[in-house]
Amino acid sequence: MATFLDKLKKRLQTWHEERADRMQNKRQARLDAEAREAVQVMEFNGELYVSVHGIPLFGQSDLSDDLTEAVASGRKAYKDWKEEKLWERTTGTTHGFIPC
């Protein structure tokens, strides 16, 4: 009787561990897909940028700078993009935005 319960316990533990692994793998696959969709490369005003959700953040030249300079450049690119989006809403025309 004790060996039957031990075998059952071992099987349940194995099943539980495998289930946890499957859940973790699915979660990682979803996160990878979301990251691939959210973080991309796009062209903005004739330059390539790393973008997040279609918002340009870091240009190629920014990535060779110091981290604080890269963040400042990313913020400037974001402000430029935001200004352009506001201009597009106001005038109804697009300018300088080409997703890759």
Protein backbone atom coordinates (compact mmCIF):
# COMPACT_ATOMS: atom_id res chain seq x y z
CA MET A 1 0.00 0.00 0.00
CA ALA A 2 2.79 2.40 0.90
CA THR A 3 4.61 1.71 -2.38
CA PHE A 4 1.42 2.38 -4.36
CA LEU A 5 1.00 5.74 -2.63
CA ASP A 6 4.69 6.53 -3.13
CA LYS A 7 4.40 5.74 -6.86
CA LEU A 8 1.26 7.85 -7.13
CA LYS A 9 2.94 10.70 -5.29
CA LYS A 10 5.98 10.49 -7.58
CA ARG A 11 3.79 10.49 -10.72
CA LEU A 12 1.82 13.49 -9.49
CA GLN A 13 5.02 15.34 -8.65
CA THR A 14 6.46 14.56 -12.10
CA TRP A 15 3.25 15.68 -13.80
CA HIS A 16 3.18 18.88 -11.77
CA GLU A 17 6.81 19.71 -12.59
CA GLU A 18 6.27 19.02 -16.31
CA ARG A 19 3.12 21.15 -16.27
CA ALA A 20 5.03 24.00 -14.63
CA ASP A 21 7.72 23.69 -17.32
CA ARG A 22 5.10 23.78 -20.10
CA MET A 23 3.46 26.84 -18.57
CA GLN A 24 6.82 28.59 -18.27
CA ASN A 25 7.69 27.76 -21.89
CA LYS A 26 4.34 29.13 -23.10
CA ARG A 27 4.82 32.28 -21.03
CA GLN A 28 8.30 32.80 -22.46
CA ALA A 29 7.05 32.23 -26.02
CA ARG A 30 4.31 34.85 -25.50
CA LEU A 31 6.79 37.33 -24.06
CA ASP A 32 9.21 36.73 -26.94
CA ALA A 33 6.45 37.31 -29.50
CA GLU A 34 5.31 40.45 -27.70
CA ALA A 35 8.88 41.77 -27.54
CA ARG A 36 9.41 41.10 -31.26
CA GLU A 37 6.22 42.99 -32.04
CA ALA A 38 6.83 45.89 -29.66
CA VAL A 39 10.55 46.53 -30.25
CA GLN A 40 11.47 46.96 -33.90
CA VAL A 41 13.65 48.95 -36.29
CA MET A 42 12.01 51.75 -38.22
CA GLU A 43 13.02 54.60 -40.48
CA PHE A 44 12.20 58.09 -39.25
CA ASN A 45 13.31 61.24 -41.08
CA GLY A 46 15.74 59.22 -43.18
CA GLU A 47 17.50 57.49 -40.27
CA LEU A 48 17.11 54.04 -38.73
CA TYR A 49 15.86 53.94 -35.14
CA VAL A 50 15.11 51.29 -32.55
CA SER A 51 11.43 51.82 -31.86
CA VAL A 52 9.02 50.67 -29.18
CA HIS A 53 5.38 50.39 -30.26
CA GLY A 54 6.18 52.46 -33.34
CA ILE A 55 7.84 55.27 -31.39
CA PRO A 56 11.46 55.91 -32.44
CA LEU A 57 13.84 55.98 -29.49
CA PHE A 58 17.46 55.27 -30.39
CA GLY A 59 19.20 55.95 -33.69
CA GLN A 60 22.20 54.03 -34.92
CA SER A 61 24.59 56.79 -33.87
CA ASP A 62 23.02 56.97 -30.39
CA LEU A 63 23.98 53.40 -29.59
CA SER A 64 27.72 54.12 -29.74
CA ASP A 65 27.41 57.01 -27.24
CA ASP A 66 27.47 56.93 -23.47
CA LEU A 67 24.27 55.54 -21.95
CA THR A 68 23.13 58.90 -20.60
CA GLU A 69 23.72 60.52 -23.99
CA ALA A 70 21.84 57.68 -25.69
CA VAL A 71 18.87 58.18 -23.35
CA ALA A 72 18.92 61.93 -24.01
CA SER A 73 18.98 61.26 -27.75
CA GLY A 74 16.14 58.78 -27.33
CA ARG A 75 14.08 61.37 -25.49
CA LYS A 76 14.78 63.91 -28.23
CA ALA A 77 13.72 61.40 -30.90
CA TYR A 78 10.55 60.71 -28.92
CA LYS A 79 9.76 64.44 -28.65
CA ASP A 80 10.40 64.88 -32.40
CA TRP A 81 8.11 61.94 -33.16
CA LYS A 82 5.42 63.26 -30.81
CA GLU A 83 5.58 66.72 -32.38
CA GLU A 84 5.26 65.17 -35.82
CA LYS A 85 2.26 63.09 -34.75
CA LEU A 86 0.59 66.21 -33.34
CA TRP A 87 1.32 68.02 -36.61
CA GLU A 88 -0.17 65.12 -38.58
CA ARG A 89 -3.36 65.30 -36.52
CA THR A 90 -3.60 69.03 -37.05
CA THR A 91 -2.92 69.05 -40.80
CA GLY A 92 -4.02 65.53 -41.72
CA THR A 93 -0.80 64.75 -43.62
CA THR A 94 2.06 62.36 -42.92
CA HIS A 95 5.71 63.31 -42.96
CA GLY A 96 8.91 61.36 -42.40
CA PHE A 97 7.50 58.14 -40.91
CA ILE A 98 8.31 54.90 -42.73
CA PRO A 99 8.05 51.65 -40.73
CA CYS A 100 10.56 48.97 -41.75
